[in-house]
Amino acid sequence: MKAPTMQANFLFCAAGALLAAHAVAADRLTVTASHDLDAARPSETIVVPWRDVNAALPGALIQHLVVKDAAGHVLPYQVTNVAPLAKDPQGVGAAYGELLFQHDFAPGERTATFVVEKSDALTPPFAPKAFARYVPERLDDFAWENDVIGHRTYGPALAAPAPPGSGKEVLETSGLDIWFKRVDYPVVDRWYNKGHDHYHKDEGEGMDMYNVGRSRGAGGTGVWDGGHLAISGNYATWKVLANGPVRTVFELTYDAWDAAGTKVEEVKRFTVDAGHQLDQVDSTFTFAGPAALTVAVGLNKTPADKKQAARVALVRDAVNHALLQWVEQATNGAFGTAIVLPPATGYADDALNDLVLARVESGRPLRYWVGAAWDRAGRITSKAAWQAYVAAEARRIAHPVRITVMPAPH
C-alpha cells in the first residue's frame, strides 16, 4: 500500500504546488469548523453551501478557486454539481451545490480555520478518492469505492433468467457486496477490466472475497414483522449525483415488494467520503396503510467462502447503536463489517442475517452507516481495533462538526 499512497500524495502535492505558485487572490472567505470531541477526527469532510461562497466571493468559479488550511497548505476540494442544465446569466454558480474539502482533526483540536480564495490561475483537478459508476460490461452491476474500501450491488439484468446454453449467472438479491482494497487508488475500472477470475484473487491490490447470495450482504435492508424479513429484488434504477474527488453521492431505487400485505418501495442514497471505512446511507421507504413499519438492516451470517472455514464473532453494541462482525479466515486474513444505526430499537436475526432494527414512517429517510475493513490493508488489524473504530465513528456521528463562514480581510 505504501507506493500507491506516495503516488496519490504526489498528485495532490503537485496540484497544490502549482496553485500556490500561480494563484493570485482576489477575494477571500474564512471557514471555521468546530466540534466538541477530544478525539481525533481524520478525514473530516467540511461542507460549505455554495450560496455562502458566492455571497462572499461573487462570481467565483470551480476552476478558479483555492482552499488553504491555517498553515497555508493548499487542500484538494470538490464543488458538487446539483443542476448541470441550469442557466447562469448572473454568474452566481447556479449549477453548484456545495464546496467540500477535508481536514484531519488531531486529538484535542476542536477548531480549525480555512481560507477560500478566488484565483487568477486555473485550478487543475485533484486525484479522485471517491468514485461510483454503473457497470454495463458486467450485466448491470453498480460499484463504488473510496480510498480504503469498495462495494457493489446488482441490477435487474443479473436477476433475469439465463437463455438456454448462455451460461449467464442469475442472482436475485438486494444485498450489498464488499470489495476489499490494499491500495488507496481507484480499482473498480481495473478490476472489472481484469475480470471475475482475477478480482476474486488477491493479485496485490486486494480482492472480492465477500459472500452475498440471497442475504442482506453488508447493509442491505428489509421489512421485519417479528419473525420474517420481506426484501426487495435487485435495484431497478440508478442516479449519480456527485462523483469525487472528496465525496461521491448516488441513489438506487427498488421496485415495490410485498411486506405482509403492504406494498413497499425504497430509494437508497449513498454518501461515500474519502478516508472513511463506513458509508452513509439514507433509505426512504414509501408505503400506504400502516403509520410505521419496522425495518431491518442486515449483515450476512456467512460472509466468507466456505473453503475459508471462517470464524465469525458477532458484537451487538447497544451503547453505540451498532452491529459488528469480525471474521477470521483460513487463508484470506480477517475482516470486519459493521452497521451504525442511531435510531435502532433492537436486534434480531433470521436464517441468513443478523439484523438491527428501527421504525420508519413513509417518506421519511432512515439514516445509517455501513462498511468494512480488512486486516491486510494495514489500517485495522484486530477485532478490538475494529470495535474501537466503529465506536469512534458513532461518536463522530453524534457530534457533528459546526461550520461558520465569514468574509476575510485581505
Protein backbone atom coordinates (compact mmCIF):
# COMPACT_ATOMS: atom_id res chain seq x y z
CA MET A 1 0.00 0.00 0.00
CA LYS A 2 2.98 2.32 0.52
CA ALA A 3 3.91 3.03 -3.09
CA PRO A 4 0.34 3.88 -4.22
CA THR A 5 -0.05 6.16 -1.21
CA MET A 6 3.08 8.06 -2.21
CA GLN A 7 1.83 8.29 -5.77
CA ALA A 8 -1.54 9.72 -4.71
CA ASN A 9 0.13 12.13 -2.32
CA PHE A 10 2.42 13.30 -5.11
CA LEU A 11 -0.60 14.09 -7.30
CA PHE A 12 -2.19 16.14 -4.54
CA CYS A 13 1.06 17.91 -3.70
CA ALA A 14 1.81 18.65 -7.34
CA ALA A 15 -1.59 20.24 -7.80
CA GLY A 16 -1.13 22.19 -4.58
CA ALA A 17 2.33 23.44 -5.57
CA LEU A 18 1.04 24.63 -8.93
CA LEU A 19 -1.77 26.57 -7.29
CA ALA A 20 0.46 28.05 -4.60
CA ALA A 21 2.95 29.22 -7.20
CA HIS A 22 0.48 30.84 -9.57
CA ALA A 23 -2.63 31.76 -7.58
CA VAL A 24 -3.39 35.45 -7.19
CA ALA A 25 -6.04 36.03 -4.57
CA ALA A 26 -8.84 38.42 -5.47
CA ASP A 27 -11.39 37.81 -2.71
CA ARG A 28 -11.19 35.64 0.40
CA LEU A 29 -13.56 33.74 2.62
CA THR A 30 -12.84 32.31 6.09
CA VAL A 31 -14.39 28.97 7.03
CA THR A 32 -14.24 27.81 10.65
CA ALA A 33 -15.04 24.20 11.57
CA SER A 34 -15.57 23.31 15.23
CA HIS A 35 -16.73 20.33 17.29
CA ASP A 36 -16.92 19.20 20.92
CA LEU A 37 -14.97 15.91 20.97
CA ASP A 38 -11.46 15.45 22.35
CA ALA A 39 -10.80 12.55 19.98
CA ALA A 40 -9.14 12.69 16.57
CA ARG A 41 -11.40 13.08 13.54
CA PRO A 42 -9.38 12.04 10.49
CA SER A 43 -10.75 12.81 7.02
CA GLU A 44 -13.49 15.06 8.35
CA THR A 45 -15.46 16.45 5.41
CA ILE A 46 -16.11 20.18 5.64
CA VAL A 47 -19.28 21.20 3.79
CA VAL A 48 -19.93 24.82 2.79
CA PRO A 49 -23.12 25.70 0.87
CA TRP A 50 -22.21 27.36 -2.42
CA ARG A 51 -24.62 30.22 -1.72
CA ASP A 52 -22.32 31.20 1.17
CA VAL A 53 -19.27 31.03 -1.09
CA ASN A 54 -20.93 33.13 -3.77
CA ALA A 55 -22.14 35.70 -1.22
CA ALA A 56 -18.55 36.34 -0.10
CA LEU A 57 -16.84 35.68 -3.44
CA PRO A 58 -19.24 36.94 -6.13
CA GLY A 59 -18.67 35.26 -9.46
CA ALA A 60 -16.43 32.52 -8.02
CA LEU A 61 -15.90 29.58 -10.38
CA ILE A 62 -14.98 25.98 -9.71
CA GLN A 63 -11.87 26.24 -11.92
CA HIS A 64 -10.59 29.46 -10.30
CA LEU A 65 -10.67 28.59 -6.61
CA VAL A 66 -8.10 27.78 -3.92
CA VAL A 67 -8.72 26.31 -0.46
CA LYS A 68 -5.98 26.59 2.18
CA ASP A 69 -5.65 25.44 5.78
CA ALA A 70 -4.33 27.63 8.61
CA ALA A 71 -0.74 26.74 7.70
CA GLY A 72 -1.25 27.86 4.10
CA HIS A 73 -1.32 24.35 2.62
CA VAL A 74 -3.49 24.04 -0.48
CA LEU A 75 -6.24 21.44 0.03
CA PRO A 76 -8.00 19.24 -2.53
CA TYR A 77 -11.61 20.33 -2.91
CA GLN A 78 -14.80 19.48 -4.74
CA VAL A 79 -17.79 21.53 -5.85
CA THR A 80 -20.93 19.47 -6.28
CA ASN A 81 -22.90 19.93 -9.48
CA VAL A 82 -26.58 19.79 -8.48
CA ALA A 83 -28.16 21.40 -11.57
CA PRO A 84 -25.96 20.75 -14.62
CA LEU A 85 -28.54 22.17 -17.06
CA ALA A 86 -29.05 25.40 -15.10
CA LYS A 87 -28.69 28.72 -16.93
CA ASP A 88 -26.45 31.15 -15.05
CA PRO A 89 -26.56 34.61 -16.67
CA GLN A 90 -25.71 36.33 -13.36
CA GLY A 91 -22.62 34.16 -12.77
CA VAL A 92 -23.71 33.02 -9.31
CA GLY A 93 -22.84 29.34 -9.76
CA ALA A 94 -26.45 28.28 -10.26
CA ALA A 95 -25.37 24.72 -11.07
CA TYR A 96 -23.27 24.38 -7.91
CA GLY A 97 -24.42 22.89 -4.61
CA GLU A 98 -21.66 22.65 -2.02
CA LEU A 99 -17.94 23.23 -1.59
CA LEU A 100 -16.30 20.18 0.01
CA PHE A 101 -12.83 19.60 1.43
CA GLN A 102 -11.33 17.59 4.28
CA HIS A 103 -9.33 18.12 7.44
CA ASP A 104 -7.66 15.73 9.88
CA PHE A 105 -8.55 16.96 13.36
CA ALA A 106 -5.85 15.93 15.84
CA PRO A 107 -6.86 14.74 19.33
CA GLY A 108 -7.91 17.79 21.32
CA GLU A 109 -8.11 20.02 18.20
CA ARG A 110 -11.63 21.36 18.40
CA THR A 111 -11.43 24.23 15.91
CA ALA A 112 -9.82 24.59 12.50
CA THR A 113 -9.84 27.59 10.16
CA PHE A 114 -9.54 27.63 6.38
CA VAL A 115 -9.37 30.29 3.68
CA VAL A 116 -11.16 30.06 0.35
CA GLU A 117 -9.81 32.39 -2.33
CA LYS A 118 -10.51 33.29 -5.90
CA SER A 119 -7.54 32.61 -8.16
CA ASP A 120 -6.49 34.04 -11.49
CA ALA A 121 -4.84 30.74 -12.31
CA LEU A 122 -6.74 27.67 -13.45
CA THR A 123 -7.14 25.03 -10.75
CA PRO A 124 -6.21 21.55 -12.00
CA PRO A 125 -8.43 18.62 -10.95
CA PHE A 126 -7.38 16.63 -7.90
CA ALA A 127 -6.82 12.87 -7.80
CA PRO A 128 -10.14 11.10 -7.12
CA LYS A 129 -10.58 9.40 -3.76
CA ALA A 130 -14.29 8.57 -4.14
CA PHE A 131 -15.95 7.12 -7.22
CA ALA A 132 -19.10 5.30 -8.37
CA ARG A 133 -20.47 4.06 -11.65
CA TYR A 134 -22.93 1.81 -13.44
CA VAL A 135 -21.11 -1.21 -14.88
CA PRO A 136 -22.88 -2.37 -18.06
CA GLU A 137 -19.96 -4.57 -19.07
CA ARG A 138 -20.80 -6.86 -16.10
CA LEU A 139 -24.54 -7.08 -16.78
CA ASP A 140 -25.71 -4.13 -14.66
CA ASP A 141 -23.63 -4.05 -11.51
CA PHE A 142 -23.35 -0.74 -9.71
CA ALA A 143 -19.97 -0.27 -8.00
CA TRP A 144 -18.50 2.36 -5.70
CA GLU A 145 -15.33 2.92 -3.70
CA ASN A 146 -13.20 5.36 -1.81
CA ASP A 147 -9.51 5.14 -0.98
CA VAL A 148 -9.97 2.43 1.69
CA ILE A 149 -12.86 0.12 0.72
CA GLY A 150 -15.10 -0.78 -2.23
CA HIS A 151 -18.62 -2.12 -2.77
CA ARG A 152 -21.03 -3.21 -5.45
CA THR A 153 -24.61 -4.32 -5.86
CA TYR A 154 -26.72 -5.83 -8.60
CA GLY A 155 -29.37 -4.77 -11.08
CA PRO A 156 -32.24 -6.47 -12.95
CA ALA A 157 -30.06 -7.97 -15.68
CA LEU A 158 -28.33 -10.24 -13.17
CA ALA A 159 -31.71 -11.41 -11.86
CA ALA A 160 -33.08 -12.13 -15.35
CA PRO A 161 -33.36 -15.80 -16.39
CA ALA A 162 -30.45 -17.24 -18.34
CA PRO A 163 -31.16 -18.01 -22.01
CA PRO A 164 -30.62 -21.72 -22.76
CA GLY A 165 -26.96 -22.51 -23.25
CA SER A 166 -25.80 -18.98 -22.35
CA GLY A 167 -24.11 -19.83 -19.06
CA LYS A 168 -25.32 -16.47 -17.72
CA GLU A 169 -25.16 -16.01 -13.96
CA VAL A 170 -28.52 -15.50 -12.25
CA LEU A 171 -28.81 -13.90 -8.82
CA GLU A 172 -31.78 -12.13 -7.28
CA THR A 173 -30.62 -10.07 -4.31
CA SER A 174 -30.66 -6.54 -2.96
CA GLY A 175 -27.73 -7.36 -0.68
CA LEU A 176 -24.60 -5.21 -0.77
CA ASP A 177 -21.20 -6.64 -1.65
CA ILE A 178 -17.73 -5.61 -0.41
CA TRP A 179 -14.50 -5.25 -2.38
CA PHE A 180 -11.53 -5.24 -0.02
CA LYS A 181 -8.67 -2.97 -1.10
CA ARG A 182 -4.98 -2.88 -0.18
CA VAL A 183 -4.30 0.31 -2.15
CA ASP A 184 -5.63 3.85 -1.93
CA TYR A 185 -6.17 4.48 -5.64
CA PRO A 186 -9.36 3.58 -7.57
CA VAL A 187 -9.65 -0.08 -8.59
CA VAL A 188 -13.21 -0.51 -9.85
CA ASP A 189 -12.40 0.02 -13.53
CA ARG A 190 -9.23 -2.05 -13.37
CA TRP A 191 -10.85 -5.00 -11.60
CA TYR A 192 -13.77 -5.19 -13.99
CA ASN A 193 -11.25 -5.00 -16.81
CA LYS A 194 -9.32 -7.96 -15.33
CA GLY A 195 -12.49 -9.99 -14.94
CA HIS A 196 -14.16 -12.30 -12.42
CA ASP A 197 -11.43 -14.93 -12.01
CA HIS A 198 -8.82 -12.26 -11.27
CA TYR A 199 -10.58 -9.98 -8.78
CA HIS A 200 -11.59 -12.99 -6.70
CA LYS A 201 -7.86 -13.50 -6.01
CA ASP A 202 -5.52 -11.05 -4.31
CA GLU A 203 -3.08 -10.05 -7.03
CA GLY A 204 -1.64 -7.19 -4.99
CA GLU A 205 -4.46 -4.64 -4.89
CA GLY A 206 -6.98 -6.62 -2.84
CA MET A 207 -9.88 -8.91 -3.72
CA ASP A 208 -13.59 -9.64 -3.77
CA MET A 209 -13.88 -12.35 -1.12
CA TYR A 210 -17.25 -11.41 0.40
CA ASN A 211 -20.30 -13.65 0.09
CA VAL A 212 -23.71 -12.06 -0.55
CA GLY A 213 -26.05 -14.61 -2.14
CA ARG A 214 -29.66 -14.08 -1.01
CA SER A 215 -28.55 -12.44 2.24
CA ARG A 216 -28.51 -8.70 3.05
CA GLY A 217 -24.75 -8.77 2.45
CA ALA A 218 -23.25 -5.81 4.31
CA GLY A 219 -26.02 -3.30 4.88
CA GLY A 220 -28.99 -4.37 2.79
CA THR A 221 -32.46 -3.71 4.18
CA GLY A 222 -35.86 -5.34 4.52
CA VAL A 223 -39.17 -5.03 6.38
CA TRP A 224 -39.31 -7.11 9.60
CA ASP A 225 -42.58 -8.43 11.01
CA GLY A 226 -41.11 -10.02 14.12
CA GLY A 227 -40.19 -13.33 12.52
CA HIS A 228 -39.86 -12.84 8.76
CA LEU A 229 -37.83 -10.43 6.62
CA ALA A 230 -39.57 -9.17 3.46
CA ILE A 231 -36.98 -7.98 0.95
CA SER A 232 -36.87 -6.23 -2.39
CA GLY A 233 -35.42 -7.54 -5.60
CA ASN A 234 -32.30 -6.18 -7.31
CA TYR A 235 -32.09 -2.40 -7.71
CA ALA A 236 -34.23 -1.05 -10.56
CA THR A 237 -32.63 2.32 -11.44
CA TRP A 238 -29.57 4.36 -10.52
CA LYS A 239 -28.52 8.01 -10.50
CA VAL A 240 -25.10 9.56 -9.72
CA LEU A 241 -25.42 12.95 -8.00
CA ALA A 242 -21.75 13.73 -7.25
CA ASN A 243 -18.58 11.85 -8.12
CA GLY A 244 -15.44 12.79 -6.23
CA PRO A 245 -12.71 13.61 -5.66
CA VAL A 246 -13.75 14.05 -1.99
CA ARG A 247 -17.33 12.75 -1.90
CA THR A 248 -19.49 10.57 -4.13
CA VAL A 249 -23.29 10.58 -3.84
CA PHE A 250 -25.65 8.28 -5.74
CA GLU A 251 -29.14 6.81 -5.48
CA LEU A 252 -30.52 3.34 -6.12
CA THR A 253 -34.26 2.73 -6.42
CA TYR A 254 -36.06 -0.55 -5.73
CA ASP A 255 -39.42 -1.56 -7.20
CA ALA A 256 -42.31 -2.25 -4.84
CA TRP A 257 -42.34 -5.52 -2.94
CA ASP A 258 -44.85 -7.17 -0.62
CA ALA A 259 -44.28 -6.95 3.13
CA ALA A 260 -47.09 -8.94 4.76
CA GLY A 261 -49.71 -7.28 2.57
CA THR A 262 -48.13 -3.82 2.47
CA LYS A 263 -46.54 -2.69 -0.78
CA VAL A 264 -43.20 -1.01 -0.06
CA GLU A 265 -40.87 0.94 -2.35
CA GLU A 266 -37.37 2.12 -1.41
CA VAL A 267 -34.81 4.69 -2.51
CA LYS A 268 -31.30 4.43 -1.08
CA ARG A 269 -29.00 7.46 -1.19
CA PHE A 270 -25.33 6.64 -0.54
CA THR A 271 -22.81 9.27 0.58
CA VAL A 272 -19.26 7.98 0.19
CA ASP A 273 -16.47 10.13 1.68
CA ALA A 274 -12.74 9.71 1.17
CA GLY A 275 -10.88 8.16 4.10
CA HIS A 276 -13.90 6.51 5.76
CA GLN A 277 -14.49 2.78 6.25
CA LEU A 278 -18.24 3.46 6.64
CA ASP A 279 -20.59 4.98 4.05
CA GLN A 280 -23.68 6.96 4.99
CA VAL A 281 -26.96 5.56 3.64
CA ASP A 282 -30.33 7.31 3.66
CA SER A 283 -33.08 4.78 2.91
CA THR A 284 -36.53 6.21 2.22
CA PHE A 285 -39.39 3.70 2.30
CA THR A 286 -42.74 4.60 0.76
CA PHE A 287 -45.90 2.71 1.69
CA ALA A 288 -49.60 3.20 2.42
CA GLY A 289 -51.66 1.85 5.28
CA PRO A 290 -49.59 1.40 8.44
CA ALA A 291 -48.43 4.53 10.26
CA ALA A 292 -44.95 2.97 10.55
CA LEU A 293 -43.06 -0.22 9.75
CA THR A 294 -40.11 -1.95 11.37
CA VAL A 295 -37.14 -2.03 9.04
CA ALA A 296 -34.07 -4.24 9.46
CA VAL A 297 -30.52 -3.56 8.26
CA GLY A 298 -28.50 -6.74 8.00
CA LEU A 299 -25.14 -8.47 7.93
CA ASN A 300 -24.74 -11.87 6.28
CA LYS A 301 -24.18 -14.61 8.88
CA THR A 302 -21.85 -16.49 6.50
CA PRO A 303 -19.87 -13.70 4.81
CA ALA A 304 -16.79 -15.72 3.73
CA ASP A 305 -16.20 -18.51 1.22
CA LYS A 306 -16.90 -21.99 2.62
CA LYS A 307 -13.32 -23.07 1.94
CA GLN A 308 -12.16 -20.37 4.38
CA ALA A 309 -13.59 -22.17 7.45
CA ALA A 310 -14.44 -18.73 8.80
CA ARG A 311 -14.94 -17.95 12.48
CA VAL A 312 -17.44 -15.10 12.79
CA ALA A 313 -17.57 -13.08 16.01
CA LEU A 314 -20.76 -11.01 16.32
CA VAL A 315 -21.00 -7.92 18.52
CA ARG A 316 -24.29 -6.23 19.36
CA ASP A 317 -23.08 -2.85 20.60
CA ALA A 318 -26.22 -1.26 22.02
CA VAL A 319 -24.28 1.67 23.51
CA ASN A 320 -23.22 2.82 20.05
CA HIS A 321 -26.35 1.55 18.25
CA ALA A 322 -24.12 -0.72 16.20
CA LEU A 323 -23.94 -4.28 14.89
CA LEU A 324 -20.46 -5.65 14.10
CA GLN A 325 -18.72 -8.76 12.84
CA TRP A 326 -15.08 -9.77 12.95
CA VAL A 327 -14.37 -12.64 10.55
CA GLU A 328 -11.22 -14.78 10.83
CA GLN A 329 -10.45 -16.75 7.64
CA ALA A 330 -8.15 -19.66 6.90
CA THR A 331 -6.04 -18.05 4.16
CA ASN A 332 -7.54 -14.66 3.28
CA GLY A 333 -6.87 -12.80 6.52
CA ALA A 334 -9.53 -11.24 8.73
CA PHE A 335 -12.13 -8.59 8.07
CA GLY A 336 -14.75 -6.62 9.92
CA THR A 337 -18.20 -5.45 8.89
CA ALA A 338 -20.43 -3.01 10.74
CA ILE A 339 -23.70 -1.11 10.77
CA VAL A 340 -24.27 2.03 12.86
CA LEU A 341 -27.99 2.83 13.16
CA PRO A 342 -28.60 5.75 15.57
CA PRO A 343 -32.41 5.24 15.85
CA ALA A 344 -32.03 1.49 16.49
CA THR A 345 -34.78 -0.13 18.56
CA GLY A 346 -33.25 -3.59 18.97
CA TYR A 347 -31.72 -6.62 17.31
CA ALA A 348 -32.99 -9.77 15.61
CA ASP A 349 -31.87 -12.46 13.20
CA ASP A 350 -33.19 -14.85 10.60
CA ALA A 351 -31.67 -17.85 8.85
CA LEU A 352 -29.33 -15.75 6.72
CA ASN A 353 -28.74 -12.47 8.55
CA ASP A 354 -28.02 -10.75 11.81
CA LEU A 355 -30.21 -7.67 11.97
CA VAL A 356 -30.50 -4.30 13.68
CA LEU A 357 -34.00 -2.79 13.75
CA ALA A 358 -35.63 0.65 13.52
CA ARG A 359 -39.11 2.07 12.99
CA VAL A 360 -39.76 4.11 9.85
CA GLU A 361 -42.57 6.30 8.58
CA SER A 362 -43.46 6.50 4.90
CA GLY A 363 -41.39 9.07 3.04
CA ARG A 364 -39.02 9.86 5.95
CA PRO A 365 -35.39 8.80 5.39
CA LEU A 366 -33.77 6.29 7.74
CA ARG A 367 -30.08 7.19 8.09
CA TYR A 368 -27.46 4.56 8.88
CA TRP A 369 -23.78 3.88 8.22
CA VAL A 370 -22.31 0.66 6.89
CA GLY A 371 -18.86 -0.53 5.92
CA ALA A 372 -15.97 -2.87 6.39
CA ALA A 373 -12.21 -3.20 6.90
CA TRP A 374 -9.59 -5.84 6.05
CA ASP A 375 -6.55 -6.56 8.20
CA ARG A 376 -4.29 -6.88 5.14
CA ALA A 377 -4.99 -3.27 4.22
CA GLY A 378 -2.96 -2.40 7.32
CA ARG A 379 -5.32 0.18 8.84
CA ILE A 380 -7.42 -2.01 11.17
CA THR A 381 -5.89 -5.35 12.07
CA SER A 382 -7.85 -6.81 15.02
CA LYS A 383 -11.34 -7.24 16.40
CA ALA A 384 -10.55 -4.78 19.20
CA ALA A 385 -9.33 -2.18 16.71
CA TRP A 386 -12.47 -2.61 14.60
CA GLN A 387 -14.74 -2.20 17.62
CA ALA A 388 -12.82 0.92 18.64
CA TYR A 389 -13.07 2.37 15.13
CA VAL A 390 -16.82 1.80 14.92
CA ALA A 391 -17.35 3.27 18.39
CA ALA A 392 -15.31 6.35 17.41
CA GLU A 393 -17.36 6.75 14.23
CA ALA A 394 -20.58 6.51 16.25
CA ARG A 395 -19.34 9.32 18.48
CA ARG A 396 -18.46 11.44 15.44
CA ILE A 397 -21.96 10.90 14.05
CA ALA A 398 -23.49 12.00 17.36
CA HIS A 399 -21.26 15.12 17.49
CA PRO A 400 -21.27 16.71 14.03
CA VAL A 401 -18.91 19.48 13.01
CA ARG A 402 -20.31 23.01 13.01
CA ILE A 403 -19.40 25.38 10.18
CA THR A 404 -19.27 29.18 10.21
CA VAL A 405 -18.45 31.30 7.18
CA MET A 406 -17.23 34.92 7.14
CA PRO A 407 -15.62 37.20 4.56
CA ALA A 408 -11.89 37.54 5.28
CA PRO A 409 -9.89 40.78 5.17
CA HIS A 410 -7.17 40.97 2.50
